[in-house]
Amino acid sequence: MLQDKRSELDAEKRRKLITRLLDDLSKENPDLYYQPTSEVAVQIMAHLESDPNLHVEEKALLAPLSQHDIEVLLSMH
């Protein structure tokens, strides 16, 4: 039960972090909305690796996710 709650909390944190990264990228590239989800996921992954402002915990939270995982999360956004 505790493990389920932790998983739910991590999923919610991932969703919020991806939304924040998407907002940051959208400010830099207003045409991002019109790009395919796969391209947006690639840009999020690149931003994740290159952004010095991200905390270690945030990077660790998204580290296990693949490009496909991020695409799925974006499609549910």
PDB file of N, CA and C in Angstrom:
ATOM      1  N   MET A   1       0.821  -1.186   0.000  1.00  0.00           N
ATOM      2  CA  MET A   1       0.000   0.000   0.000  1.00  0.00           C
ATOM      3  C   MET A   1       0.870   1.257   0.000  1.00  0.00           C
ATOM      4  N   LEU A   2       1.890   1.266   0.828  1.00  0.00           N
ATOM      5  CA  LEU A   2       2.798   2.404   0.864  1.00  0.00           C
ATOM      6  C   LEU A   2       3.522   2.550  -0.472  1.00  0.00           C
ATOM      7  N   GLN A   3       3.886   1.420  -1.057  1.00  0.00           N
ATOM      8  CA  GLN A   3       4.553   1.429  -2.363  1.00  0.00           C
ATOM      9  C   GLN A   3       3.633   2.018  -3.431  1.00  0.00           C
ATOM     10  N   ASP A   4       2.343   1.695  -3.381  1.00  0.00           N
ATOM     11  CA  ASP A   4       1.379   2.237  -4.333  1.00  0.00           C
ATOM     12  C   ASP A   4       1.282   3.751  -4.213  1.00  0.00           C
ATOM     13  N   LYS A   5       1.244   4.245  -2.991  1.00  0.00           N
ATOM     14  CA  LYS A   5       1.161   5.689  -2.768  1.00  0.00           C
ATOM     15  C   LYS A   5       2.412   6.392  -3.284  1.00  0.00           C
ATOM     16  N   ARG A   6       3.565   5.766  -3.054  1.00  0.00           N
ATOM     17  CA  ARG A   6       4.821   6.352  -3.538  1.00  0.00           C
ATOM     18  C   ARG A   6       4.830   6.384  -5.061  1.00  0.00           C
ATOM     19  N   SER A   7       4.368   5.323  -5.696  1.00  0.00           N
ATOM     20  CA  SER A   7       4.306   5.276  -7.153  1.00  0.00           C
ATOM     21  C   SER A   7       3.385   6.357  -7.694  1.00  0.00           C
ATOM     22  N   GLU A   8       2.250   6.544  -7.040  1.00  0.00           N
ATOM     23  CA  GLU A   8       1.313   7.584  -7.455  1.00  0.00           C
ATOM     24  C   GLU A   8       1.928   8.967  -7.289  1.00  0.00           C
ATOM     25  N   LEU A   9       2.635   9.173  -6.197  1.00  0.00           N
ATOM     26  CA  LEU A   9       3.286  10.455  -5.947  1.00  0.00           C
ATOM     27  C   LEU A   9       4.369  10.719  -6.989  1.00  0.00           C
ATOM     28  N   ASP A  10       5.176   9.710  -7.305  1.00  0.00           N
ATOM     29  CA  ASP A  10       6.208   9.859  -8.328  1.00  0.00           C
ATOM     30  C   ASP A  10       5.588  10.154  -9.688  1.00  0.00           C
ATOM     31  N   ALA A  11       4.500   9.484 -10.021  1.00  0.00           N
ATOM     32  CA  ALA A  11       3.825   9.715 -11.297  1.00  0.00           C
ATOM     33  C   ALA A  11       3.313  11.149 -11.381  1.00  0.00           C
ATOM     34  N   GLU A  12       2.764  11.643 -10.294  1.00  0.00           N
ATOM     35  CA  GLU A  12       2.267  13.023 -10.264  1.00  0.00           C
ATOM     36  C   GLU A  12       3.425  14.016 -10.396  1.00  0.00           C
ATOM     37  N   LYS A  13       4.535  13.741  -9.736  1.00  0.00           N
ATOM     38  CA  LYS A  13       5.713  14.610  -9.841  1.00  0.00           C
ATOM     39  C   LYS A  13       6.250  14.607 -11.269  1.00  0.00           C
ATOM     40  N   ARG A  14       6.278  13.421 -11.898  1.00  0.00           N
ATOM     41  CA  ARG A  14       6.738  13.331 -13.294  1.00  0.00           C
ATOM     42  C   ARG A  14       5.841  14.152 -14.210  1.00  0.00           C
ATOM     43  N   ARG A  15       4.542  14.018 -14.017  1.00  0.00           N
ATOM     44  CA  ARG A  15       3.594  14.754 -14.853  1.00  0.00           C
ATOM     45  C   ARG A  15       3.812  16.259 -14.719  1.00  0.00           C
ATOM     46  N   LYS A  16       3.959  16.737 -13.497  1.00  0.00           N
ATOM     47  CA  LYS A  16       4.169  18.168 -13.266  1.00  0.00           C
ATOM     48  C   LYS A  16       5.499  18.640 -13.848  1.00  0.00           C
ATOM     49  N   LEU A  17       6.531  17.832 -13.703  1.00  0.00           N
ATOM     50  CA  LEU A  17       7.840  18.206 -14.224  1.00  0.00           C
ATOM     51  C   LEU A  17       7.825  18.256 -15.746  1.00  0.00           C
ATOM     52  N   ILE A  18       7.214  17.278 -16.375  1.00  0.00           N
ATOM     53  CA  ILE A  18       7.131  17.278 -17.837  1.00  0.00           C
ATOM     54  C   ILE A  18       6.319  18.475 -18.317  1.00  0.00           C
ATOM     55  N   THR A  19       5.253  18.803 -17.615  1.00  0.00           N
ATOM     56  CA  THR A  19       4.454  19.981 -17.968  1.00  0.00           C
ATOM     57  C   THR A  19       5.299  21.244 -17.858  1.00  0.00           C
ATOM     58  N   ARG A  20       6.091  21.345 -16.796  1.00  0.00           N
ATOM     59  CA  ARG A  20       6.948  22.519 -16.621  1.00  0.00           C
ATOM     60  C   ARG A  20       8.001  22.604 -17.725  1.00  0.00           C
ATOM     61  N   LEU A  21       8.624  21.472 -18.054  1.00  0.00           N
ATOM     62  CA  LEU A  21       9.614  21.463 -19.128  1.00  0.00           C
ATOM     63  C   LEU A  21       8.971  21.826 -20.462  1.00  0.00           C
ATOM     64  N   LEU A  22       7.778  21.332 -20.685  1.00  0.00           N
ATOM     65  CA  LEU A  22       7.045  21.649 -21.907  1.00  0.00           C
ATOM     66  C   LEU A  22       6.746  23.143 -21.979  1.00  0.00           C
ATOM     67  N   ASP A  23       6.351  23.735 -20.870  1.00  0.00           N
ATOM     68  CA  ASP A  23       6.108  25.183 -20.827  1.00  0.00           C
ATOM     69  C   ASP A  23       7.386  25.962 -21.130  1.00  0.00           C
ATOM     70  N   ASP A  24       8.497  25.539 -20.541  1.00  0.00           N
ATOM     71  CA  ASP A  24       9.783  26.205 -20.795  1.00  0.00           C
ATOM     72  C   ASP A  24      10.150  26.130 -22.272  1.00  0.00           C
ATOM     73  N   LEU A  25      10.016  24.952 -22.852  1.00  0.00           N
ATOM     74  CA  LEU A  25      10.346  24.779 -24.265  1.00  0.00           C
ATOM     75  C   LEU A  25       9.401  25.564 -25.163  1.00  0.00           C
ATOM     76  N   SER A  26       8.142  25.655 -24.781  1.00  0.00           N
ATOM     77  CA  SER A  26       7.160  26.398 -25.574  1.00  0.00           C
ATOM     78  C   SER A  26       7.479  27.888 -25.594  1.00  0.00           C
ATOM     79  N   LYS A  27       8.031  28.390 -24.503  1.00  0.00           N
ATOM     80  CA  LYS A  27       8.429  29.803 -24.465  1.00  0.00           C
ATOM     81  C   LYS A  27       9.589  30.059 -25.416  1.00  0.00           C
ATOM     82  N   GLU A  28      10.500  29.105 -25.507  1.00  0.00           N
ATOM     83  CA  GLU A  28      11.650  29.227 -26.395  1.00  0.00           C
ATOM     84  C   GLU A  28      11.261  28.988 -27.851  1.00  0.00           C
ATOM     85  N   ASN A  29      10.279  28.129 -28.070  1.00  0.00           N
ATOM     86  CA  ASN A  29       9.875  27.737 -29.419  1.00  0.00           C
ATOM     87  C   ASN A  29       8.349  27.707 -29.507  1.00  0.00           C
ATOM     88  N   PRO A  30       7.734  28.828 -29.889  1.00  0.00           N
ATOM     89  CA  PRO A  30       6.267  28.886 -29.932  1.00  0.00           C
ATOM     90  C   PRO A  30       5.627  27.878 -30.896  1.00  0.00           C
ATOM     91  N   ASP A  31       6.373  27.406 -31.882  1.00  0.00           N
ATOM     92  CA  ASP A  31       5.834  26.441 -32.845  1.00  0.00           C
ATOM     93  C   ASP A  31       5.875  25.009 -32.329  1.00  0.00           C
ATOM     94  N   LEU A  32       6.324  24.824 -31.119  1.00  0.00           N
ATOM     95  CA  LEU A  32       6.428  23.487 -30.538  1.00  0.00           C
ATOM     96  C   LEU A  32       5.081  22.767 -30.549  1.00  0.00           C
ATOM     97  N   TYR A  33       4.013  23.512 -30.361  1.00  0.00           N
ATOM     98  CA  TYR A  33       2.660  22.945 -30.317  1.00  0.00           C
ATOM     99  C   TYR A  33       2.340  22.165 -31.592  1.00  0.00           C
ATOM    100  N   TYR A  34       2.892  22.605 -32.722  1.00  0.00           N
ATOM    101  CA  TYR A  34       2.563  22.006 -34.017  1.00  0.00           C
ATOM    102  C   TYR A  34       3.498  20.860 -34.408  1.00  0.00           C
ATOM    103  N   GLN A  35       4.477  20.565 -33.584  1.00  0.00           N
ATOM    104  CA  GLN A  35       5.420  19.499 -33.895  1.00  0.00           C
ATOM    105  C   GLN A  35       4.874  18.153 -33.425  1.00  0.00           C
ATOM    106  N   PRO A  36       5.319  17.078 -34.060  1.00  0.00           N
ATOM    107  CA  PRO A  36       4.872  15.744 -33.637  1.00  0.00           C
ATOM    108  C   PRO A  36       5.296  15.451 -32.195  1.00  0.00           C
ATOM    109  N   THR A  37       4.513  14.642 -31.535  1.00  0.00           N
ATOM    110  CA  THR A  37       4.788  14.285 -30.143  1.00  0.00           C
ATOM    111  C   THR A  37       6.177  13.672 -29.995  1.00  0.00           C
ATOM    112  N   SER A  38       6.594  12.887 -30.980  1.00  0.00           N
ATOM    113  CA  SER A  38       7.920  12.266 -30.897  1.00  0.00           C
ATOM    114  C   SER A  38       9.020  13.322 -30.880  1.00  0.00           C
ATOM    115  N   GLU A  39       8.857  14.375 -31.673  1.00  0.00           N
ATOM    116  CA  GLU A  39       9.848  15.453 -31.700  1.00  0.00           C
ATOM    117  C   GLU A  39       9.841  16.239 -30.393  1.00  0.00           C
ATOM    118  N   VAL A  40       8.675  16.465 -29.842  1.00  0.00           N
ATOM    119  CA  VAL A  40       8.564  17.166 -28.557  1.00  0.00           C
ATOM    120  C   VAL A  40       9.254  16.346 -27.464  1.00  0.00           C
ATOM    121  N   ALA A  41       9.050  15.039 -27.484  1.00  0.00           N
ATOM    122  CA  ALA A  41       9.689  14.166 -26.492  1.00  0.00           C
ATOM    123  C   ALA A  41      11.208  14.221 -26.614  1.00  0.00           C
ATOM    124  N   VAL A  42      11.711  14.241 -27.837  1.00  0.00           N
ATOM    125  CA  VAL A  42      13.159  14.346 -28.052  1.00  0.00           C
ATOM    126  C   VAL A  42      13.678  15.664 -27.482  1.00  0.00           C
ATOM    127  N   GLN A  43      12.941  16.739 -27.714  1.00  0.00           N
ATOM    128  CA  GLN A  43      13.362  18.043 -27.204  1.00  0.00           C
ATOM    129  C   GLN A  43      13.318  18.089 -25.678  1.00  0.00           C
ATOM    130  N   ILE A  44      12.319  17.455 -25.096  1.00  0.00           N
ATOM    131  CA  ILE A  44      12.243  17.402 -23.631  1.00  0.00           C
ATOM    132  C   ILE A  44      13.437  16.629 -23.077  1.00  0.00           C
ATOM    133  N   MET A  45      13.776  15.515 -23.702  1.00  0.00           N
ATOM    134  CA  MET A  45      14.920  14.722 -23.232  1.00  0.00           C
ATOM    135  C   MET A  45      16.222  15.520 -23.358  1.00  0.00           C
ATOM    136  N   ALA A  46      16.383  16.242 -24.461  1.00  0.00           N
ATOM    137  CA  ALA A  46      17.588  17.054 -24.647  1.00  0.00           C
ATOM    138  C   ALA A  46      17.639  18.185 -23.621  1.00  0.00           C
ATOM    139  N   HIS A  47      16.499  18.797 -23.377  1.00  0.00           N
ATOM    140  CA  HIS A  47      16.414  19.878 -22.388  1.00  0.00           C
ATOM    141  C   HIS A  47      16.739  19.342 -20.997  1.00  0.00           C
ATOM    142  N   LEU A  48      16.260  18.168 -20.719  1.00  0.00           N
ATOM    143  CA  LEU A  48      16.512  17.529 -19.425  1.00  0.00           C
ATOM    144  C   LEU A  48      18.008  17.323 -19.197  1.00  0.00           C
ATOM    145  N   GLU A  49      18.715  16.927 -20.243  1.00  0.00           N
ATOM    146  CA  GLU A  49      20.154  16.673 -20.127  1.00  0.00           C
ATOM    147  C   GLU A  49      20.972  17.954 -20.065  1.00  0.00           C
ATOM    148  N   SER A  50      20.484  19.014 -20.701  1.00  0.00           N
ATOM    149  CA  SER A  50      21.305  20.220 -20.826  1.00  0.00           C
ATOM    150  C   SER A  50      20.943  21.342 -19.857  1.00  0.00           C
ATOM    151  N   ASP A  51      19.819  21.247 -19.172  1.00  0.00           N
ATOM    152  CA  ASP A  51      19.377  22.337 -18.301  1.00  0.00           C
ATOM    153  C   ASP A  51      20.109  22.293 -16.960  1.00  0.00           C
ATOM    154  N   PRO A  52      20.959  23.287 -16.695  1.00  0.00           N
ATOM    155  CA  PRO A  52      21.698  23.291 -15.425  1.00  0.00           C
ATOM    156  C   PRO A  52      20.820  23.660 -14.224  1.00  0.00           C
ATOM    157  N   ASN A  53      19.630  24.181 -14.479  1.00  0.00           N
ATOM    158  CA  ASN A  53      18.741  24.604 -13.392  1.00  0.00           C
ATOM    159  C   ASN A  53      17.912  23.466 -12.808  1.00  0.00           C
ATOM    160  N   LEU A  54      17.935  22.310 -13.456  1.00  0.00           N
ATOM    161  CA  LEU A  54      17.172  21.179 -12.933  1.00  0.00           C
ATOM    162  C   LEU A  54      17.900  20.566 -11.743  1.00  0.00           C
ATOM    163  N   HIS A  55      17.156  20.253 -10.731  1.00  0.00           N
ATOM    164  CA  HIS A  55      17.723  19.623  -9.546  1.00  0.00           C
ATOM    165  C   HIS A  55      18.041  18.158  -9.840  1.00  0.00           C
ATOM    166  N   VAL A  56      18.953  17.616  -9.090  1.00  0.00           N
ATOM    167  CA  VAL A  56      19.352  16.214  -9.243  1.00  0.00           C
ATOM    168  C   VAL A  56      18.139  15.305  -9.061  1.00  0.00           C
ATOM    169  N   GLU A  57      17.270  15.650  -8.099  1.00  0.00           N
ATOM    170  CA  GLU A  57      16.078  14.835  -7.840  1.00  0.00           C
ATOM    171  C   GLU A  57      15.139  14.825  -9.050  1.00  0.00           C
ATOM    172  N   GLU A  58      15.040  15.978  -9.729  1.00  0.00           N
ATOM    173  CA  GLU A  58      14.171  16.053 -10.906  1.00  0.00           C
ATOM    174  C   GLU A  58      14.734  15.203 -12.038  1.00  0.00           C
ATOM    175  N   LYS A  59      16.038  15.296 -12.238  1.00  0.00           N
ATOM    176  CA  LYS A  59      16.660  14.479 -13.283  1.00  0.00           C
ATOM    177  C   LYS A  59      16.514  12.995 -12.967  1.00  0.00           C
ATOM    178  N   ALA A  60      16.679  12.642 -11.702  1.00  0.00           N
ATOM    179  CA  ALA A  60      16.552  11.238 -11.294  1.00  0.00           C
ATOM    180  C   ALA A  60      15.128  10.733 -11.479  1.00  0.00           C
ATOM    181  N   LEU A  61      14.163  11.613 -11.304  1.00  0.00           N
ATOM    182  CA  LEU A  61      12.761  11.239 -11.445  1.00  0.00           C
ATOM    183  C   LEU A  61      12.433  10.854 -12.890  1.00  0.00           C
ATOM    184  N   LEU A  62      13.041  11.561 -13.842  1.00  0.00           N
ATOM    185  CA  LEU A  62      12.757  11.291 -15.253  1.00  0.00           C
ATOM    186  C   LEU A  62      13.786  10.368 -15.906  1.00  0.00           C
ATOM    187  N   ALA A  63      14.878  10.092 -15.232  1.00  0.00           N
ATOM    188  CA  ALA A  63      15.951   9.270 -15.811  1.00  0.00           C
ATOM    189  C   ALA A  63      15.477   7.902 -16.312  1.00  0.00           C
ATOM    190  N   PRO A  64      14.588   7.211 -15.581  1.00  0.00           N
ATOM    191  CA  PRO A  64      14.185   5.884 -16.068  1.00  0.00           C
ATOM    192  C   PRO A  64      13.241   5.922 -17.275  1.00  0.00           C
ATOM    193  N   LEU A  65      12.767   7.103 -17.649  1.00  0.00           N
ATOM    194  CA  LEU A  65      11.800   7.192 -18.744  1.00  0.00           C
ATOM    195  C   LEU A  65      12.501   7.189 -20.095  1.00  0.00           C
ATOM    196  N   SER A  66      11.922   6.467 -21.029  1.00  0.00           N
ATOM    197  CA  SER A  66      12.417   6.461 -22.404  1.00  0.00           C
ATOM    198  C   SER A  66      11.685   7.549 -23.189  1.00  0.00           C
ATOM    199  N   GLN A  67      12.112   7.737 -24.421  1.00  0.00           N
ATOM    200  CA  GLN A  67      11.423   8.700 -25.288  1.00  0.00           C
ATOM    201  C   GLN A  67       9.960   8.294 -25.444  1.00  0.00           C
ATOM    202  N   HIS A  68       9.726   7.017 -25.622  1.00  0.00           N
ATOM    203  CA  HIS A  68       8.355   6.528 -25.782  1.00  0.00           C
ATOM    204  C   HIS A  68       7.520   6.810 -24.531  1.00  0.00           C
ATOM    205  N   ASP A  69       8.104   6.620 -23.360  1.00  0.00           N
ATOM    206  CA  ASP A  69       7.391   6.902 -22.108  1.00  0.00           C
ATOM    207  C   ASP A  69       6.964   8.366 -22.048  1.00  0.00           C
ATOM    208  N   ILE A  70       7.866   9.252 -22.446  1.00  0.00           N
ATOM    209  CA  ILE A  70       7.545  10.683 -22.434  1.00  0.00           C
ATOM    210  C   ILE A  70       6.456  10.983 -23.454  1.00  0.00           C
ATOM    211  N   GLU A  71       6.506  10.336 -24.612  1.00  0.00           N
ATOM    212  CA  GLU A  71       5.453  10.519 -25.620  1.00  0.00           C
ATOM    213  C   GLU A  71       4.092  10.128 -25.054  1.00  0.00           C
ATOM    214  N   VAL A  72       4.049   9.014 -24.344  1.00  0.00           N
ATOM    215  CA  VAL A  72       2.788   8.554 -23.749  1.00  0.00           C
ATOM    216  C   VAL A  72       2.291   9.566 -22.726  1.00  0.00           C
ATOM    217  N   LEU A  73       3.189  10.057 -21.883  1.00  0.00           N
ATOM    218  CA  LEU A  73       2.790  11.056 -20.887  1.00  0.00           C
ATOM    219  C   LEU A  73       2.304  12.341 -21.554  1.00  0.00           C
ATOM    220  N   LEU A  74       2.945  12.729 -22.643  1.00  0.00           N
ATOM    221  CA  LEU A  74       2.501  13.923 -23.366  1.00  0.00           C
ATOM    222  C   LEU A  74       1.120  13.718 -23.984  1.00  0.00           C
ATOM    223  N   SER A  75       0.862  12.521 -24.455  1.00  0.00           N
ATOM    224  CA  SER A  75      -0.434  12.258 -25.089  1.00  0.00           C
ATOM    225  C   SER A  75      -1.572  12.287 -24.081  1.00  0.00           C
ATOM    226  N   MET A  76      -1.240  12.083 -22.804  1.00  0.00           N
ATOM    227  CA  MET A  76      -2.270  12.129 -21.766  1.00  0.00           C
ATOM    228  C   MET A  76      -2.422  13.534 -21.203  1.00  0.00           C
ATOM    229  N   HIS A  77      -1.591  14.445 -21.650  1.00  0.00           N
ATOM    230  CA  HIS A  77      -1.606  15.822 -21.143  1.00  0.00           C
ATOM    231  C   HIS A  77      -2.807  16.565 -21.704  1.00  0.00           C
TER     232      HIS A  77
END
